[in-house]
Amino acid sequence: MRRLCIVGVLTMALLAALALPARLQQSPAALNATSPLLEKLSAAAIERTHLSVRYDPAYVRIPYPNGDVPADTGVCTDEVIRSYRALGIDLQKEVHEDMQRNFSAYPNQRRWRLAHTDTNIDHRRVPNLQVFFSRKGESLPVTTNNSDYKPGELVTWDLGGNIPHIGIVVDKQSLPGRHLVEHNIGAGPKVEDVLFSWKITGHYRYFGPAR
C-alpha cells in the first residue's frame, strides 16, 4: 500500500509538471534570458540616452554607498552603474564588499598596483566589473552569433591596445536578431549598432545581490 501511495504521488507530480505553462518549464538559462529585471535594465539604459553626459575619466572622490560622480560627467562604466542604480542596485557597494572579501581575485594588485580597495574607483573600472559579474552573475559564451546576445546583458570589449570598454545590450535592433548597445565611448550615452565593432572580451548577466 505504501508503494502504491508513493507511485500515486509521483504520478500526480508528473501530471502537475506537464500542466505548467511552457515558460515555467523552460531551462534556467531560458528563464534568465527573459527576466523582468533584465528588461528593466534595458529600459533604464535606453532612458539614459536622453541625458547629456560629458565623457570624463577623472578620478573623483565620491560618497559611499550610493556614491556617484557629477551627473553630467561619466565614462562607459558609469552607464552600467547608473542603469543598475535606477533598479535599486548599488554596484559601488556590491563590488566593494566582494573585493574586500576576495581582493586577490581582482586585477587591482597587478594592473594598478593597489594594496587595498578604493570605493571611489573600483566599481568604475571595466576589469573589476568583469571579475565581479563572473563571480556574482553569469558569465556567458562569447560568440559571433547575433541571437546569443539578449537585452539586459552586459558586453565588454578590447578597443585595441588593451583599452577596455563596456556596454548594455538593449531591446532595440538594427538588423533582425541583432540588438543595439547602450554605451558611452566619448560622446555621451548612445544606443548604437556596435556589438561586433571591437573584440568581445566578456558577456554577462547580473541580477543583483542575492536576497
N, C-alpha and C. Protein backbone atom coordinates (compact mmCIF):
# COMPACT_ATOMS: atom_id res chain seq x y z
N MET A 1 0.83 -1.21 0.00
CA MET A 1 0.00 0.00 0.00
C MET A 1 0.87 1.25 0.00
N ARG A 2 1.93 1.23 0.80
CA ARG A 2 2.81 2.40 0.85
C ARG A 2 3.44 2.67 -0.51
N ARG A 3 3.84 1.55 -1.21
CA ARG A 3 4.45 1.71 -2.52
C ARG A 3 3.45 2.32 -3.50
N LEU A 4 2.19 1.92 -3.40
CA LEU A 4 1.16 2.46 -4.28
C LEU A 4 0.96 3.95 -4.03
N CYS A 5 1.03 4.35 -2.76
CA CYS A 5 0.88 5.77 -2.42
C CYS A 5 2.00 6.59 -3.02
N ILE A 6 3.24 6.06 -2.93
CA ILE A 6 4.40 6.79 -3.47
C ILE A 6 4.26 6.95 -4.97
N VAL A 7 3.85 5.85 -5.64
CA VAL A 7 3.66 5.92 -7.09
C VAL A 7 2.60 6.93 -7.45
N GLY A 8 1.53 6.96 -6.64
CA GLY A 8 0.45 7.91 -6.90
C GLY A 8 0.91 9.34 -6.77
N VAL A 9 1.72 9.62 -5.74
CA VAL A 9 2.25 10.97 -5.53
C VAL A 9 3.14 11.39 -6.69
N LEU A 10 4.01 10.47 -7.12
CA LEU A 10 4.91 10.78 -8.23
C LEU A 10 4.13 11.03 -9.51
N THR A 11 3.09 10.25 -9.72
CA THR A 11 2.27 10.43 -10.92
C THR A 11 1.60 11.79 -10.91
N MET A 12 1.06 12.18 -9.75
CA MET A 12 0.41 13.49 -9.63
C MET A 12 1.41 14.61 -9.88
N ALA A 13 2.63 14.45 -9.36
CA ALA A 13 3.65 15.48 -9.55
C ALA A 13 4.00 15.61 -11.02
N LEU A 14 4.09 14.46 -11.70
CA LEU A 14 4.41 14.49 -13.13
C LEU A 14 3.32 15.18 -13.92
N LEU A 15 2.07 14.86 -13.60
CA LEU A 15 0.95 15.49 -14.30
C LEU A 15 0.92 16.98 -14.04
N ALA A 16 1.24 17.38 -12.81
CA ALA A 16 1.25 18.82 -12.48
C ALA A 16 2.33 19.53 -13.27
N ALA A 17 3.50 18.88 -13.42
CA ALA A 17 4.59 19.49 -14.19
C ALA A 17 4.20 19.65 -15.65
N LEU A 18 3.52 18.63 -16.18
CA LEU A 18 3.10 18.71 -17.58
C LEU A 18 2.06 19.80 -17.78
N ALA A 19 1.32 20.10 -16.73
CA ALA A 19 0.28 21.12 -16.85
C ALA A 19 0.81 22.53 -16.69
N LEU A 20 2.08 22.67 -16.29
CA LEU A 20 2.65 24.00 -16.11
C LEU A 20 2.70 24.74 -17.42
N PRO A 21 2.57 26.07 -17.38
CA PRO A 21 2.77 26.86 -18.60
C PRO A 21 4.15 26.59 -19.18
N ALA A 22 4.28 26.70 -20.48
CA ALA A 22 5.54 26.39 -21.17
C ALA A 22 6.68 27.20 -20.60
N ARG A 23 6.45 28.49 -20.24
CA ARG A 23 7.53 29.34 -19.77
C ARG A 23 8.14 28.80 -18.48
N LEU A 24 7.29 28.21 -17.61
CA LEU A 24 7.79 27.71 -16.34
C LEU A 24 8.54 26.40 -16.50
N GLN A 25 8.39 25.76 -17.65
CA GLN A 25 9.13 24.53 -17.88
C GLN A 25 10.45 24.77 -18.60
N GLN A 26 10.76 26.02 -18.93
CA GLN A 26 11.99 26.33 -19.62
C GLN A 26 13.19 26.12 -18.71
N SER A 27 14.36 25.98 -19.31
CA SER A 27 15.59 25.85 -18.54
C SER A 27 15.88 27.15 -17.81
N PRO A 28 16.70 27.11 -16.72
CA PRO A 28 17.07 28.35 -16.02
C PRO A 28 17.67 29.38 -16.96
N ALA A 29 18.49 28.96 -17.91
CA ALA A 29 19.11 29.91 -18.84
C ALA A 29 18.06 30.61 -19.67
N ALA A 30 17.04 29.85 -20.11
CA ALA A 30 15.98 30.47 -20.91
C ALA A 30 15.16 31.44 -20.09
N LEU A 31 14.90 31.08 -18.84
CA LEU A 31 14.16 32.00 -17.97
C LEU A 31 14.94 33.27 -17.72
N ASN A 32 16.23 33.14 -17.48
CA ASN A 32 17.09 34.30 -17.25
C ASN A 32 17.06 35.23 -18.45
N ALA A 33 17.01 34.66 -19.65
CA ALA A 33 17.06 35.48 -20.86
C ALA A 33 15.84 36.36 -20.98
N THR A 34 14.73 35.99 -20.28
CA THR A 34 13.51 36.78 -20.36
C THR A 34 13.18 37.40 -19.00
N SER A 35 14.18 37.58 -18.16
CA SER A 35 13.99 38.10 -16.82
C SER A 35 13.42 39.52 -16.83
N PRO A 36 12.39 39.79 -16.02
CA PRO A 36 11.87 41.15 -15.91
C PRO A 36 12.95 42.15 -15.49
N LEU A 37 13.90 41.72 -14.64
CA LEU A 37 14.95 42.64 -14.23
C LEU A 37 15.81 43.05 -15.42
N LEU A 38 16.14 42.09 -16.29
CA LEU A 38 16.95 42.44 -17.45
C LEU A 38 16.18 43.34 -18.41
N GLU A 39 14.88 43.14 -18.50
CA GLU A 39 14.06 44.02 -19.33
C GLU A 39 14.08 45.45 -18.77
N LYS A 40 14.01 45.55 -17.45
CA LYS A 40 14.05 46.87 -16.81
C LYS A 40 15.42 47.52 -16.98
N LEU A 41 16.47 46.71 -16.92
CA LEU A 41 17.82 47.25 -17.11
C LEU A 41 17.97 47.80 -18.52
N SER A 42 17.46 47.08 -19.50
CA SER A 42 17.49 47.56 -20.88
C SER A 42 16.76 48.89 -21.01
N ALA A 43 15.57 48.98 -20.40
CA ALA A 43 14.78 50.21 -20.47
C ALA A 43 15.51 51.36 -19.77
N ALA A 44 16.14 51.08 -18.63
CA ALA A 44 16.88 52.12 -17.90
C ALA A 44 18.06 52.61 -18.72
N ALA A 45 18.73 51.70 -19.42
CA ALA A 45 19.86 52.09 -20.26
C ALA A 45 19.40 52.97 -21.42
N ILE A 46 18.30 52.61 -22.05
CA ILE A 46 17.77 53.42 -23.16
C ILE A 46 17.38 54.80 -22.65
N GLU A 47 16.78 54.87 -21.47
CA GLU A 47 16.37 56.14 -20.89
C GLU A 47 17.57 57.07 -20.70
N ARG A 48 18.73 56.54 -20.46
CA ARG A 48 19.90 57.36 -20.21
C ARG A 48 20.34 58.12 -21.47
N THR A 49 19.93 57.68 -22.63
CA THR A 49 20.33 58.36 -23.85
C THR A 49 19.66 59.73 -23.99
N HIS A 50 18.69 60.02 -23.14
CA HIS A 50 18.03 61.32 -23.15
C HIS A 50 18.79 62.35 -22.33
N LEU A 51 19.87 61.92 -21.68
CA LEU A 51 20.63 62.81 -20.80
C LEU A 51 21.91 63.27 -21.48
N SER A 52 22.39 64.42 -21.06
CA SER A 52 23.63 64.96 -21.57
C SER A 52 24.75 64.64 -20.57
N VAL A 53 25.72 63.85 -21.02
CA VAL A 53 26.83 63.44 -20.15
C VAL A 53 28.14 63.67 -20.89
N ARG A 54 29.00 64.46 -20.28
CA ARG A 54 30.33 64.72 -20.87
C ARG A 54 31.29 63.62 -20.44
N TYR A 55 31.97 63.02 -21.41
CA TYR A 55 32.91 61.94 -21.09
C TYR A 55 34.08 62.52 -20.29
N ASP A 56 34.27 61.97 -19.09
CA ASP A 56 35.33 62.48 -18.22
C ASP A 56 35.84 61.33 -17.35
N PRO A 57 37.05 60.83 -17.62
CA PRO A 57 37.59 59.70 -16.86
C PRO A 57 38.34 60.09 -15.59
N ALA A 58 38.21 61.32 -15.15
CA ALA A 58 38.97 61.80 -13.99
C ALA A 58 38.61 61.02 -12.73
N TYR A 59 39.61 60.83 -11.87
CA TYR A 59 39.38 60.23 -10.55
C TYR A 59 38.65 61.25 -9.70
N VAL A 60 37.54 60.82 -9.09
CA VAL A 60 36.72 61.72 -8.28
C VAL A 60 36.40 61.03 -6.96
N ARG A 61 36.54 61.75 -5.87
CA ARG A 61 36.14 61.21 -4.57
C ARG A 61 34.63 61.32 -4.44
N ILE A 62 34.00 60.21 -4.09
CA ILE A 62 32.54 60.17 -4.01
C ILE A 62 32.12 59.52 -2.70
N PRO A 63 30.89 59.77 -2.25
CA PRO A 63 30.41 59.14 -1.01
C PRO A 63 30.29 57.63 -1.18
N TYR A 64 30.09 56.95 -0.05
CA TYR A 64 29.85 55.52 -0.05
C TYR A 64 28.84 55.21 1.05
N PRO A 65 27.84 54.37 0.79
CA PRO A 65 27.47 53.77 -0.51
C PRO A 65 26.65 54.74 -1.35
N ASN A 66 26.18 54.27 -2.50
CA ASN A 66 25.37 55.04 -3.44
C ASN A 66 26.05 56.33 -3.88
N GLY A 67 27.37 56.30 -3.94
CA GLY A 67 28.09 57.47 -4.42
C GLY A 67 28.10 57.53 -5.94
N ASP A 68 28.27 58.73 -6.47
CA ASP A 68 28.31 58.91 -7.92
C ASP A 68 29.12 60.15 -8.25
N VAL A 69 29.75 60.12 -9.40
CA VAL A 69 30.42 61.31 -9.92
C VAL A 69 29.34 62.28 -10.36
N PRO A 70 29.67 63.55 -10.64
CA PRO A 70 28.65 64.50 -11.10
C PRO A 70 27.81 63.93 -12.24
N ALA A 71 26.51 64.15 -12.19
CA ALA A 71 25.57 63.52 -13.12
C ALA A 71 25.83 63.87 -14.58
N ASP A 72 26.47 65.03 -14.82
CA ASP A 72 26.72 65.43 -16.21
C ASP A 72 28.08 64.98 -16.71
N THR A 73 28.75 64.09 -15.96
CA THR A 73 30.03 63.53 -16.40
C THR A 73 29.99 62.02 -16.22
N GLY A 74 30.93 61.32 -16.85
CA GLY A 74 31.00 59.89 -16.66
C GLY A 74 31.72 59.19 -17.79
N VAL A 75 31.88 57.88 -17.65
CA VAL A 75 32.54 57.04 -18.65
C VAL A 75 31.64 55.83 -18.92
N CYS A 76 32.17 54.84 -19.63
CA CYS A 76 31.35 53.70 -20.01
C CYS A 76 30.80 52.95 -18.80
N THR A 77 31.64 52.76 -17.78
CA THR A 77 31.19 52.02 -16.61
C THR A 77 30.08 52.74 -15.86
N ASP A 78 30.08 54.08 -15.91
CA ASP A 78 29.03 54.82 -15.22
C ASP A 78 27.67 54.59 -15.84
N GLU A 79 27.62 54.25 -17.13
CA GLU A 79 26.34 53.90 -17.74
C GLU A 79 25.78 52.63 -17.12
N VAL A 80 26.64 51.66 -16.89
CA VAL A 80 26.21 50.41 -16.26
C VAL A 80 25.81 50.67 -14.81
N ILE A 81 26.64 51.41 -14.09
CA ILE A 81 26.38 51.71 -12.68
C ILE A 81 25.05 52.45 -12.52
N ARG A 82 24.83 53.46 -13.33
CA ARG A 82 23.62 54.28 -13.20
C ARG A 82 22.37 53.54 -13.66
N SER A 83 22.51 52.68 -14.64
CA SER A 83 21.36 51.89 -15.09
C SER A 83 20.94 50.91 -14.00
N TYR A 84 21.90 50.27 -13.36
CA TYR A 84 21.56 49.38 -12.25
C TYR A 84 21.01 50.17 -11.07
N ARG A 85 21.54 51.35 -10.84
CA ARG A 85 21.06 52.13 -9.70
C ARG A 85 19.59 52.52 -9.90
N ALA A 86 19.17 52.71 -11.14
CA ALA A 86 17.76 53.01 -11.42
C ALA A 86 16.86 51.85 -11.00
N LEU A 87 17.45 50.66 -10.85
CA LEU A 87 16.70 49.48 -10.41
C LEU A 87 16.90 49.22 -8.92
N GLY A 88 17.60 50.13 -8.24
CA GLY A 88 17.83 49.97 -6.81
C GLY A 88 19.02 49.10 -6.46
N ILE A 89 19.92 48.86 -7.41
CA ILE A 89 21.10 48.03 -7.19
C ILE A 89 22.34 48.91 -7.21
N ASP A 90 23.09 48.91 -6.13
CA ASP A 90 24.26 49.78 -5.98
C ASP A 90 25.54 48.98 -6.26
N LEU A 91 26.06 49.09 -7.46
CA LEU A 91 27.28 48.36 -7.81
C LEU A 91 28.49 48.83 -7.02
N GLN A 92 28.49 50.08 -6.61
CA GLN A 92 29.60 50.55 -5.78
C GLN A 92 29.71 49.69 -4.52
N LYS A 93 28.59 49.49 -3.86
CA LYS A 93 28.56 48.71 -2.62
C LYS A 93 28.84 47.23 -2.90
N GLU A 94 28.19 46.68 -3.92
CA GLU A 94 28.33 45.24 -4.18
C GLU A 94 29.75 44.88 -4.59
N VAL A 95 30.35 45.69 -5.46
CA VAL A 95 31.73 45.42 -5.88
C VAL A 95 32.68 45.58 -4.70
N HIS A 96 32.51 46.64 -3.94
CA HIS A 96 33.41 46.89 -2.80
C HIS A 96 33.36 45.73 -1.81
N GLU A 97 32.17 45.27 -1.46
CA GLU A 97 32.06 44.22 -0.46
C GLU A 97 32.69 42.92 -0.95
N ASP A 98 32.53 42.61 -2.23
CA ASP A 98 33.14 41.39 -2.75
C ASP A 98 34.66 41.54 -2.83
N MET A 99 35.12 42.72 -3.18
CA MET A 99 36.57 42.94 -3.25
C MET A 99 37.20 42.89 -1.87
N GLN A 100 36.50 43.38 -0.87
CA GLN A 100 37.03 43.30 0.49
C GLN A 100 37.27 41.86 0.92
N ARG A 101 36.36 40.98 0.54
CA ARG A 101 36.46 39.58 0.94
C ARG A 101 37.38 38.78 0.02
N ASN A 102 37.55 39.25 -1.20
CA ASN A 102 38.27 38.45 -2.20
C ASN A 102 39.20 39.34 -3.04
N PHE A 103 40.00 40.14 -2.37
CA PHE A 103 40.81 41.14 -3.08
C PHE A 103 41.74 40.51 -4.11
N SER A 104 42.28 39.36 -3.81
CA SER A 104 43.24 38.73 -4.72
C SER A 104 42.60 38.23 -6.01
N ALA A 105 41.26 38.12 -6.03
CA ALA A 105 40.57 37.67 -7.24
C ALA A 105 40.47 38.78 -8.28
N TYR A 106 40.72 40.01 -7.86
CA TYR A 106 40.58 41.16 -8.75
C TYR A 106 41.94 41.62 -9.26
N PRO A 107 41.96 42.33 -10.39
CA PRO A 107 43.25 42.70 -11.01
C PRO A 107 43.90 43.95 -10.43
N ASN A 108 43.41 44.47 -9.31
CA ASN A 108 43.95 45.71 -8.77
C ASN A 108 45.43 45.64 -8.43
N GLN A 109 45.85 44.50 -7.89
CA GLN A 109 47.25 44.40 -7.46
C GLN A 109 48.21 44.47 -8.64
N ARG A 110 47.93 43.68 -9.67
CA ARG A 110 48.87 43.62 -10.79
C ARG A 110 48.64 44.73 -11.81
N ARG A 111 47.39 45.19 -11.98
CA ARG A 111 47.12 46.17 -13.03
C ARG A 111 47.36 47.59 -12.55
N TRP A 112 46.89 47.90 -11.34
CA TRP A 112 47.02 49.27 -10.83
C TRP A 112 47.95 49.36 -9.62
N ARG A 113 48.51 48.22 -9.21
CA ARG A 113 49.45 48.16 -8.10
C ARG A 113 48.86 48.74 -6.81
N LEU A 114 47.64 48.33 -6.54
CA LEU A 114 46.96 48.76 -5.33
C LEU A 114 47.01 47.66 -4.30
N ALA A 115 47.10 48.05 -3.04
CA ALA A 115 47.16 47.08 -1.95
C ALA A 115 45.87 47.01 -1.15
N HIS A 116 44.88 47.80 -1.56
CA HIS A 116 43.61 47.82 -0.82
C HIS A 116 42.50 48.32 -1.74
N THR A 117 41.29 48.18 -1.29
CA THR A 117 40.14 48.62 -2.09
C THR A 117 40.03 50.14 -2.07
N ASP A 118 39.29 50.66 -3.05
CA ASP A 118 39.06 52.11 -3.14
C ASP A 118 37.63 52.31 -3.64
N THR A 119 36.75 52.70 -2.74
CA THR A 119 35.33 52.83 -3.09
C THR A 119 35.06 53.96 -4.09
N ASN A 120 36.04 54.81 -4.32
CA ASN A 120 35.86 55.90 -5.28
C ASN A 120 35.95 55.41 -6.73
N ILE A 121 36.70 54.34 -6.97
CA ILE A 121 37.04 54.00 -8.36
C ILE A 121 36.90 52.52 -8.71
N ASP A 122 36.95 51.63 -7.71
CA ASP A 122 36.99 50.19 -8.01
C ASP A 122 35.86 49.76 -8.95
N HIS A 123 34.63 50.18 -8.65
CA HIS A 123 33.47 49.76 -9.44
C HIS A 123 33.40 50.46 -10.80
N ARG A 124 34.23 51.46 -11.02
CA ARG A 124 34.22 52.21 -12.27
C ARG A 124 35.29 51.70 -13.24
N ARG A 125 35.90 50.57 -12.93
CA ARG A 125 36.94 50.00 -13.79
C ARG A 125 36.39 48.73 -14.45
N VAL A 126 36.48 48.69 -15.76
CA VAL A 126 35.92 47.56 -16.51
C VAL A 126 36.50 46.22 -16.05
N PRO A 127 37.82 46.07 -15.91
CA PRO A 127 38.34 44.76 -15.49
C PRO A 127 37.77 44.29 -14.15
N ASN A 128 37.54 45.21 -13.22
CA ASN A 128 36.94 44.83 -11.94
C ASN A 128 35.49 44.36 -12.14
N LEU A 129 34.74 45.06 -13.00
CA LEU A 129 33.37 44.65 -13.26
C LEU A 129 33.33 43.28 -13.93
N GLN A 130 34.28 43.00 -14.79
CA GLN A 130 34.32 41.69 -15.43
C GLN A 130 34.47 40.58 -14.40
N VAL A 131 35.37 40.77 -13.46
CA VAL A 131 35.55 39.77 -12.40
C VAL A 131 34.29 39.67 -11.55
N PHE A 132 33.74 40.82 -11.19
CA PHE A 132 32.56 40.82 -10.33
C PHE A 132 31.38 40.12 -11.00
N PHE A 133 31.10 40.44 -12.27
CA PHE A 133 29.97 39.82 -12.95
C PHE A 133 30.20 38.32 -13.14
N SER A 134 31.45 37.91 -13.31
CA SER A 134 31.75 36.49 -13.42
C SER A 134 31.50 35.77 -12.09
N ARG A 135 31.82 36.44 -11.00
CA ARG A 135 31.69 35.83 -9.68
C ARG A 135 30.26 35.86 -9.17
N LYS A 136 29.56 36.97 -9.38
CA LYS A 136 28.26 37.17 -8.75
C LYS A 136 27.09 37.10 -9.73
N GLY A 137 27.41 37.02 -11.02
CA GLY A 137 26.36 36.89 -12.02
C GLY A 137 26.58 35.64 -12.84
N GLU A 138 26.38 35.75 -14.13
CA GLU A 138 26.59 34.63 -15.06
C GLU A 138 27.55 35.07 -16.15
N SER A 139 28.57 34.29 -16.38
CA SER A 139 29.48 34.52 -17.49
C SER A 139 28.99 33.68 -18.67
N LEU A 140 28.65 34.33 -19.75
CA LEU A 140 28.03 33.68 -20.90
C LEU A 140 29.04 33.50 -22.03
N PRO A 141 28.76 32.61 -22.98
CA PRO A 141 29.69 32.40 -24.09
C PRO A 141 29.89 33.66 -24.93
N VAL A 142 31.11 33.85 -25.39
CA VAL A 142 31.42 34.92 -26.35
C VAL A 142 31.36 34.30 -27.74
N THR A 143 30.44 34.78 -28.56
CA THR A 143 30.25 34.23 -29.89
C THR A 143 30.12 35.37 -30.90
N THR A 144 29.98 35.01 -32.17
CA THR A 144 29.70 35.99 -33.22
C THR A 144 28.28 35.81 -33.74
N ASN A 145 27.45 35.19 -32.93
CA ASN A 145 26.05 34.93 -33.30
C ASN A 145 25.15 36.01 -32.70
N ASN A 146 24.45 36.76 -33.54
CA ASN A 146 23.59 37.84 -33.06
C ASN A 146 22.62 37.38 -31.98
N SER A 147 22.02 36.23 -32.18
CA SER A 147 20.94 35.77 -31.31
C SER A 147 21.42 35.38 -29.91
N ASP A 148 22.72 35.29 -29.70
CA ASP A 148 23.25 34.92 -28.39
C ASP A 148 23.28 36.09 -27.42
N TYR A 149 23.01 37.29 -27.89
CA TYR A 149 23.10 38.49 -27.06
C TYR A 149 21.71 39.09 -26.88
N LYS A 150 21.23 39.10 -25.64
CA LYS A 150 19.87 39.49 -25.33
C LYS A 150 19.82 40.81 -24.56
N PRO A 151 18.69 41.53 -24.64
CA PRO A 151 18.54 42.77 -23.88
C PRO A 151 18.78 42.57 -22.38
N GLY A 152 19.49 43.51 -21.80
CA GLY A 152 19.81 43.46 -20.38
C GLY A 152 21.12 42.76 -20.07
N GLU A 153 21.74 42.15 -21.07
CA GLU A 153 23.03 41.52 -20.86
C GLU A 153 24.15 42.55 -21.03
N LEU A 154 25.31 42.22 -20.49
CA LEU A 154 26.45 43.13 -20.50
C LEU A 154 27.54 42.56 -21.39
N VAL A 155 28.20 43.44 -22.13
CA VAL A 155 29.27 43.02 -23.02
C VAL A 155 30.49 43.91 -22.76
N THR A 156 31.66 43.29 -22.73
CA THR A 156 32.90 44.05 -22.63
C THR A 156 33.74 43.81 -23.88
N TRP A 157 34.55 44.80 -24.21
CA TRP A 157 35.39 44.74 -25.41
C TRP A 157 36.81 45.20 -25.09
N ASP A 158 37.72 44.84 -25.99
CA ASP A 158 39.05 45.44 -26.05
C ASP A 158 39.03 46.35 -27.28
N LEU A 159 39.15 47.65 -27.07
CA LEU A 159 39.10 48.60 -28.17
C LEU A 159 40.39 48.60 -28.98
N GLY A 160 41.39 47.87 -28.48
CA GLY A 160 42.72 47.87 -29.09
C GLY A 160 43.71 48.45 -28.11
N GLY A 161 44.90 47.89 -28.08
CA GLY A 161 45.90 48.38 -27.13
C GLY A 161 45.53 48.12 -25.69
N ASN A 162 44.71 47.07 -25.45
CA ASN A 162 44.30 46.69 -24.09
C ASN A 162 43.47 47.78 -23.41
N ILE A 163 42.70 48.52 -24.21
CA ILE A 163 41.78 49.54 -23.67
C ILE A 163 40.40 48.90 -23.54
N PRO A 164 39.90 48.73 -22.31
CA PRO A 164 38.63 48.04 -22.11
C PRO A 164 37.42 48.97 -22.28
N HIS A 165 36.29 48.36 -22.60
CA HIS A 165 35.04 49.10 -22.77
C HIS A 165 33.90 48.19 -22.35
N ILE A 166 32.76 48.79 -21.96
CA ILE A 166 31.60 48.01 -21.53
C ILE A 166 30.32 48.69 -21.99
N GLY A 167 29.30 47.88 -22.27
CA GLY A 167 28.00 48.41 -22.66
C GLY A 167 26.89 47.44 -22.28
N ILE A 168 25.65 47.90 -22.46
CA ILE A 168 24.46 47.12 -22.13
C ILE A 168 23.68 46.84 -23.40
N VAL A 169 23.42 45.57 -23.67
CA VAL A 169 22.58 45.21 -24.81
C VAL A 169 21.15 45.66 -24.51
N VAL A 170 20.49 46.30 -25.48
CA VAL A 170 19.16 46.85 -25.23
C VAL A 170 18.14 46.29 -26.22
N ASP A 171 16.88 46.55 -25.90
CA ASP A 171 15.77 45.99 -26.67
C ASP A 171 15.45 46.86 -27.89
N LYS A 172 16.44 47.09 -28.69
CA LYS A 172 16.29 47.73 -30.00
C LYS A 172 17.21 46.99 -30.96
N GLN A 173 16.79 46.90 -32.23
CA GLN A 173 17.56 46.12 -33.19
C GLN A 173 17.90 46.95 -34.43
N SER A 174 19.08 46.67 -34.96
CA SER A 174 19.50 47.28 -36.22
C SER A 174 19.14 46.37 -37.38
N LEU A 175 19.36 45.08 -37.18
CA LEU A 175 19.01 44.04 -38.14
C LEU A 175 18.18 43.01 -37.40
N PRO A 176 17.40 42.20 -38.10
CA PRO A 176 16.64 41.15 -37.40
C PRO A 176 17.57 40.27 -36.57
N GLY A 177 17.34 40.27 -35.26
CA GLY A 177 18.13 39.42 -34.38
C GLY A 177 19.36 40.07 -33.80
N ARG A 178 19.76 41.26 -34.28
CA ARG A 178 20.95 41.91 -33.72
C ARG A 178 20.55 43.14 -32.93
N HIS A 179 20.77 43.05 -31.63
CA HIS A 179 20.37 44.14 -30.74
C HIS A 179 21.43 45.23 -30.70
N LEU A 180 20.97 46.43 -30.44
CA LEU A 180 21.86 47.57 -30.26
C LEU A 180 22.44 47.56 -28.85
N VAL A 181 23.41 48.44 -28.63
CA VAL A 181 24.10 48.52 -27.34
C VAL A 181 24.06 49.96 -26.85
N GLU A 182 23.76 50.14 -25.56
CA GLU A 182 23.86 51.46 -24.93
C GLU A 182 25.22 51.55 -24.26
N HIS A 183 25.95 52.62 -24.57
CA HIS A 183 27.30 52.78 -24.03
C HIS A 183 27.70 54.24 -24.12
N ASN A 184 28.86 54.54 -23.54
CA ASN A 184 29.46 55.87 -23.65
C ASN A 184 30.92 55.68 -23.99
N ILE A 185 31.25 55.93 -25.24
CA ILE A 185 32.63 55.76 -25.69
C ILE A 185 33.33 57.10 -25.90
N GLY A 186 32.63 58.18 -25.54
CA GLY A 186 33.24 59.51 -25.65
C GLY A 186 32.26 60.61 -25.99
N ALA A 187 31.11 60.24 -26.54
CA ALA A 187 30.12 61.24 -26.96
C ALA A 187 28.86 61.21 -26.12
N GLY A 188 28.97 60.67 -24.90
CA GLY A 188 27.81 60.58 -24.02
C GLY A 188 27.04 59.30 -24.26
N PRO A 189 25.95 59.09 -23.52
CA PRO A 189 25.17 57.87 -23.65
C PRO A 189 24.52 57.76 -25.04
N LYS A 190 24.81 56.67 -25.73
CA LYS A 190 24.27 56.44 -27.07
C LYS A 190 23.79 54.99 -27.18
N VAL A 191 22.78 54.78 -28.01
CA VAL A 191 22.37 53.44 -28.41
C VAL A 191 22.82 53.25 -29.84
N GLU A 192 23.74 52.30 -30.06
CA GLU A 192 24.37 52.16 -31.37
C GLU A 192 24.55 50.69 -31.75
N ASP A 193 24.76 50.47 -33.02
CA ASP A 193 25.00 49.13 -33.56
C ASP A 193 26.50 48.84 -33.51
N VAL A 194 26.98 48.50 -32.31
CA VAL A 194 28.43 48.31 -32.12
C VAL A 194 28.77 46.96 -31.50
N LEU A 195 27.82 46.04 -31.46
CA LEU A 195 28.04 44.78 -30.77
C LEU A 195 29.32 44.08 -31.23
N PHE A 196 29.55 44.07 -32.55
CA PHE A 196 30.71 43.38 -33.09
C PHE A 196 31.75 44.34 -33.67
N SER A 197 31.73 45.58 -33.18
CA SER A 197 32.68 46.58 -33.69
C SER A 197 34.09 46.37 -33.16
N TRP A 198 34.21 45.73 -32.00
CA TRP A 198 35.52 45.50 -31.40
C TRP A 198 35.58 44.07 -30.88
N LYS A 199 36.74 43.67 -30.44
CA LYS A 199 36.91 42.31 -29.92
C LYS A 199 36.16 42.16 -28.60
N ILE A 200 35.21 41.24 -28.56
CA ILE A 200 34.45 41.00 -27.34
C ILE A 200 35.31 40.19 -26.36
N THR A 201 35.40 40.69 -25.12
CA THR A 201 36.20 40.02 -24.10
C THR A 201 35.36 39.43 -22.98
N GLY A 202 34.07 39.74 -22.95
CA GLY A 202 33.22 39.21 -21.90
C GLY A 202 31.75 39.40 -22.22
N HIS A 203 30.92 38.51 -21.68
CA HIS A 203 29.47 38.52 -21.92
C HIS A 203 28.82 38.03 -20.64
N TYR A 204 27.95 38.86 -20.03
CA TYR A 204 27.48 38.56 -18.68
C TYR A 204 26.01 38.89 -18.49
N ARG A 205 25.45 38.25 -17.46
CA ARG A 205 24.15 38.66 -16.90
C ARG A 205 24.36 38.87 -15.40
N TYR A 206 23.74 39.91 -14.86
CA TYR A 206 23.81 40.14 -13.42
C TYR A 206 22.44 40.57 -12.94
N PHE A 207 21.94 39.85 -11.93
CA PHE A 207 20.59 40.06 -11.44
C PHE A 207 20.53 40.79 -10.08
N GLY A 208 21.66 41.30 -9.65
CA GLY A 208 21.69 41.97 -8.36
C GLY A 208 22.07 41.03 -7.23
N PRO A 209 22.22 41.57 -6.01
CA PRO A 209 22.64 40.75 -4.88
C PRO A 209 21.61 39.71 -4.51
N ALA A 210 22.07 38.58 -3.99
CA ALA A 210 21.15 37.54 -3.53
C ALA A 210 20.32 38.07 -2.37
N ARG A 211 19.04 37.78 -2.42
CA ARG A 211 18.12 38.26 -1.37
C ARG A 211 17.92 37.17 -0.33
